[in-house]
Amino acid sequence: MATPASLRIIRDEHMALSAMLRSLHLLVQQGPGTDPKRFFDSLRAMLFYIDEFPERLHHPKESNLLFPRVVRLAPQTMATVERLEQDHLRGEAAVRELQHLLLAWELLGETRRAAFVDAYERYHRFYLEHMRLEEQDILPEAEKHLSAEDWRELDQAFASNRDPLTGQYPAAPEYERLFQRILHDAPAPIGLGA
């Protein structure tokens, strides 16, 4: 059987998010430099992307469609799925905390930088581990156990995500400005900025 489209989409979205996290990391390490407005605007856009796409589109489909099927057919994955579900809940709150800490750094100055940087480093490690668990523990079990009908339903659901950072799906018009800003200002690997 060919690799289901939903598995390719999940992996593409993980790669896009990993690239976004690496670019964010590089930007945070560089700091505001001589153009703080561009720096903070870029970080805000990148955090908004994480909140808007992985948190609101990707995770609910995993939680509501993929994970229940995998647990039903491979019950030994239950502990991992429970952890991933907790991660989904924590991730949403964590990205919002980062947005708040970033605003504090921007408005209140350098005394707030360390709090943002520390929280971002924890978030970065947390998210990479979350994706590793999904890719190593859940997706192989899904490939082994899910039926053709399961994959058809998952493929249809995940195809609607339309995350342009995966390079495969056209951007929804309302997000065009967001993605242009990220691509223009963010450092590689996600953007073209310095």
Protein backbone atom coordinates (compact mmCIF):
# COMPACT_ATOMS: atom_id res chain seq x y z
CA MET A 1 0.00 0.00 0.00
CA ALA A 2 1.24 3.50 -0.82
CA THR A 3 1.90 5.86 2.06
CA PRO A 4 -1.42 7.47 2.98
CA ALA A 5 -1.70 11.19 2.19
CA SER A 6 -2.51 12.01 5.81
CA LEU A 7 0.81 10.49 6.98
CA ARG A 8 2.69 12.58 4.42
CA ILE A 9 0.76 15.68 5.53
CA ILE A 10 1.48 15.01 9.22
CA ARG A 11 5.17 14.52 8.52
CA ASP A 12 5.30 17.59 6.25
CA GLU A 13 3.62 19.66 8.95
CA HIS A 14 6.08 18.36 11.53
CA MET A 15 8.98 19.33 9.25
CA ALA A 16 7.50 22.81 8.69
CA LEU A 17 7.03 23.27 12.43
CA SER A 18 10.56 22.02 13.16
CA ALA A 19 11.92 24.53 10.65
CA MET A 20 9.81 27.28 12.24
CA LEU A 21 11.13 26.38 15.70
CA ARG A 22 14.74 26.41 14.41
CA SER A 23 14.22 29.81 12.78
CA LEU A 24 12.61 31.14 15.95
CA HIS A 25 15.56 29.83 17.95
CA LEU A 26 18.04 31.58 15.65
CA LEU A 27 16.08 34.81 15.77
CA VAL A 28 15.86 34.72 19.57
CA GLN A 29 19.62 34.10 19.80
CA GLN A 30 20.32 37.06 17.50
CA GLY A 31 18.12 39.37 19.53
CA PRO A 32 16.56 42.67 18.43
CA GLY A 33 19.80 44.17 17.12
CA THR A 34 19.36 47.48 15.32
CA ASP A 35 15.80 46.80 14.15
CA PRO A 36 13.72 45.87 17.21
CA LYS A 37 10.40 46.55 15.43
CA ARG A 38 11.17 43.99 12.71
CA PHE A 39 12.52 41.54 15.30
CA PHE A 40 9.43 41.63 17.53
CA ASP A 41 7.05 41.69 14.54
CA SER A 42 8.75 38.58 13.14
CA LEU A 43 8.62 36.69 16.44
CA ARG A 44 4.98 37.64 16.91
CA ALA A 45 4.09 36.41 13.41
CA MET A 46 5.92 33.13 13.98
CA LEU A 47 4.25 32.50 17.34
CA PHE A 48 0.88 33.36 15.81
CA TYR A 49 1.54 30.78 13.08
CA ILE A 50 2.26 28.12 15.73
CA ASP A 51 -0.92 29.01 17.59
CA GLU A 52 -3.03 29.18 14.45
CA PHE A 53 -1.89 26.14 12.47
CA PRO A 54 -0.40 23.37 14.62
CA GLU A 55 -2.51 24.18 17.67
CA ARG A 56 -5.85 24.81 15.93
CA LEU A 57 -5.70 22.62 12.81
CA HIS A 58 -3.12 19.87 13.23
CA HIS A 59 -3.60 18.84 16.87
CA PRO A 60 -7.41 18.57 16.89
CA LYS A 61 -7.30 16.17 13.94
CA GLU A 62 -4.73 14.03 15.70
CA SER A 63 -6.74 14.08 18.94
CA ASN A 64 -10.16 13.52 17.41
CA LEU A 65 -9.41 11.29 14.44
CA LEU A 66 -5.97 9.65 14.48
CA PHE A 67 -5.30 8.86 18.14
CA PRO A 68 -8.64 7.17 18.91
CA ARG A 69 -8.24 4.84 15.92
CA VAL A 70 -4.68 3.93 16.86
CA VAL A 71 -5.57 3.26 20.51
CA ARG A 72 -8.53 1.11 19.52
CA LEU A 73 -6.37 -1.07 17.25
CA ALA A 74 -3.09 -0.87 19.19
CA PRO A 75 -4.06 -0.51 22.88
CA GLN A 76 -0.40 -0.60 23.95
CA THR A 77 -0.18 3.00 22.67
CA MET A 78 -2.64 4.30 25.27
CA ALA A 79 0.01 5.71 27.66
CA THR A 80 1.76 7.51 24.82
CA VAL A 81 -1.51 8.91 23.47
CA GLU A 82 -2.45 10.13 26.95
CA ARG A 83 0.89 11.93 27.17
CA LEU A 84 0.44 13.42 23.69
CA GLU A 85 -3.05 14.63 24.60
CA GLN A 86 -1.64 16.33 27.70
CA ASP A 87 1.03 17.86 25.47
CA HIS A 88 -1.67 19.24 23.17
CA LEU A 89 -3.36 20.91 26.13
CA ARG A 90 -0.08 22.24 27.51
CA GLY A 91 1.13 23.38 24.10
CA GLU A 92 -1.79 25.69 23.52
CA ALA A 93 -1.27 27.39 26.89
CA ALA A 94 2.50 27.50 26.40
CA VAL A 95 2.37 29.31 23.07
CA ARG A 96 0.01 31.89 24.53
CA GLU A 97 2.39 32.35 27.48
CA LEU A 98 5.21 32.91 24.99
CA GLN A 99 3.15 35.57 23.22
CA HIS A 100 2.62 37.31 26.57
CA LEU A 101 6.29 37.05 27.54
CA LEU A 102 7.31 38.40 24.14
CA LEU A 103 5.04 41.41 24.58
CA ALA A 104 6.51 41.98 28.04
CA TRP A 105 10.04 41.90 26.59
CA GLU A 106 9.07 44.30 23.81
CA LEU A 107 7.22 46.80 26.02
CA LEU A 108 9.16 46.54 29.28
CA GLY A 109 12.65 45.97 27.90
CA GLU A 110 15.71 43.83 28.49
CA THR A 111 14.75 42.92 32.06
CA ARG A 112 12.07 40.67 30.52
CA ARG A 113 14.27 39.04 27.88
CA ALA A 114 15.52 36.12 30.02
CA ALA A 115 11.99 35.06 30.96
CA PHE A 116 11.01 34.83 27.29
CA VAL A 117 14.22 33.08 26.24
CA ASP A 118 13.95 30.50 29.06
CA ALA A 119 10.28 29.80 28.28
CA TYR A 120 11.02 29.50 24.57
CA GLU A 121 13.89 27.06 25.15
CA ARG A 122 11.60 24.85 27.27
CA TYR A 123 8.86 25.07 24.63
CA HIS A 124 11.30 24.21 21.83
CA ARG A 125 12.53 21.08 23.62
CA PHE A 126 8.97 20.11 24.61
CA TYR A 127 7.66 20.40 21.05
CA LEU A 128 10.53 18.48 19.45
CA GLU A 129 10.00 15.64 21.94
CA HIS A 130 6.25 15.70 21.26
CA MET A 131 6.78 15.29 17.52
CA ARG A 132 9.41 12.58 18.09
CA LEU A 133 6.92 10.55 20.15
CA GLU A 134 4.25 10.85 17.47
CA GLU A 135 6.62 9.87 14.69
CA GLN A 136 8.32 6.99 16.50
CA ASP A 137 5.48 5.55 18.59
CA ILE A 138 2.14 6.45 17.00
CA LEU A 139 2.59 6.78 13.24
CA PRO A 140 4.24 3.34 12.81
CA GLU A 141 1.34 1.74 14.72
CA ALA A 142 -1.13 3.65 12.57
CA GLU A 143 0.60 2.35 9.43
CA LYS A 144 0.42 -1.20 10.75
CA HIS A 145 -3.16 -1.27 11.96
CA LEU A 146 -5.42 1.28 10.25
CA SER A 147 -7.72 0.15 7.45
CA ALA A 148 -8.07 1.64 3.99
CA GLU A 149 -11.34 3.24 5.16
CA ASP A 150 -9.58 4.79 8.18
CA TRP A 151 -6.94 6.25 5.86
CA ARG A 152 -9.55 7.65 3.46
CA GLU A 153 -11.24 9.52 6.31
CA LEU A 154 -7.93 10.75 7.73
CA ASP A 155 -6.65 11.78 4.29
CA GLN A 156 -9.76 13.83 3.67
CA ALA A 157 -9.56 15.54 7.08
CA PHE A 158 -5.84 16.34 6.98
CA ALA A 159 -5.98 17.55 3.37
CA SER A 160 -8.06 20.50 4.56
CA ASN A 161 -5.22 21.86 6.76
CA ARG A 162 -3.68 23.78 3.85
CA ASP A 163 -0.51 24.89 5.64
CA PRO A 164 1.54 26.72 3.00
CA LEU A 165 4.78 26.27 4.95
CA THR A 166 4.69 22.61 3.95
CA GLY A 167 5.16 23.78 0.37
CA GLN A 168 2.32 21.63 -0.92
CA TYR A 169 -0.90 23.46 -0.19
CA PRO A 170 -2.07 26.84 -1.43
CA ALA A 171 -2.38 29.44 1.32
CA ALA A 172 -5.85 30.51 2.33
CA PRO A 173 -6.11 34.14 1.17
CA GLU A 174 -6.62 35.50 4.67
CA TYR A 175 -3.24 34.08 5.73
CA GLU A 176 -1.22 35.36 2.77
CA ARG A 177 0.10 38.43 4.63
CA LEU A 178 1.17 36.31 7.61
CA PHE A 179 3.15 33.88 5.46
CA GLN A 180 4.72 36.62 3.38
CA ARG A 181 5.91 38.34 6.55
CA ILE A 182 7.36 35.12 7.95
CA LEU A 183 9.07 34.22 4.67
CA HIS A 184 10.46 37.73 4.24
CA ASP A 185 11.67 38.37 7.79
CA ALA A 186 12.40 35.04 9.46
CA PRO A 187 15.85 33.48 9.18
CA ALA A 188 16.44 30.20 7.38
CA PRO A 189 15.38 27.46 7.38
CA ILE A 190 11.85 28.87 7.23
CA GLY A 191 12.44 32.31 5.80
CA LEU A 192 14.68 34.47 3.69
CA GLY A 193 15.68 36.97 6.39
CA ALA A 194 19.18 37.39 7.78
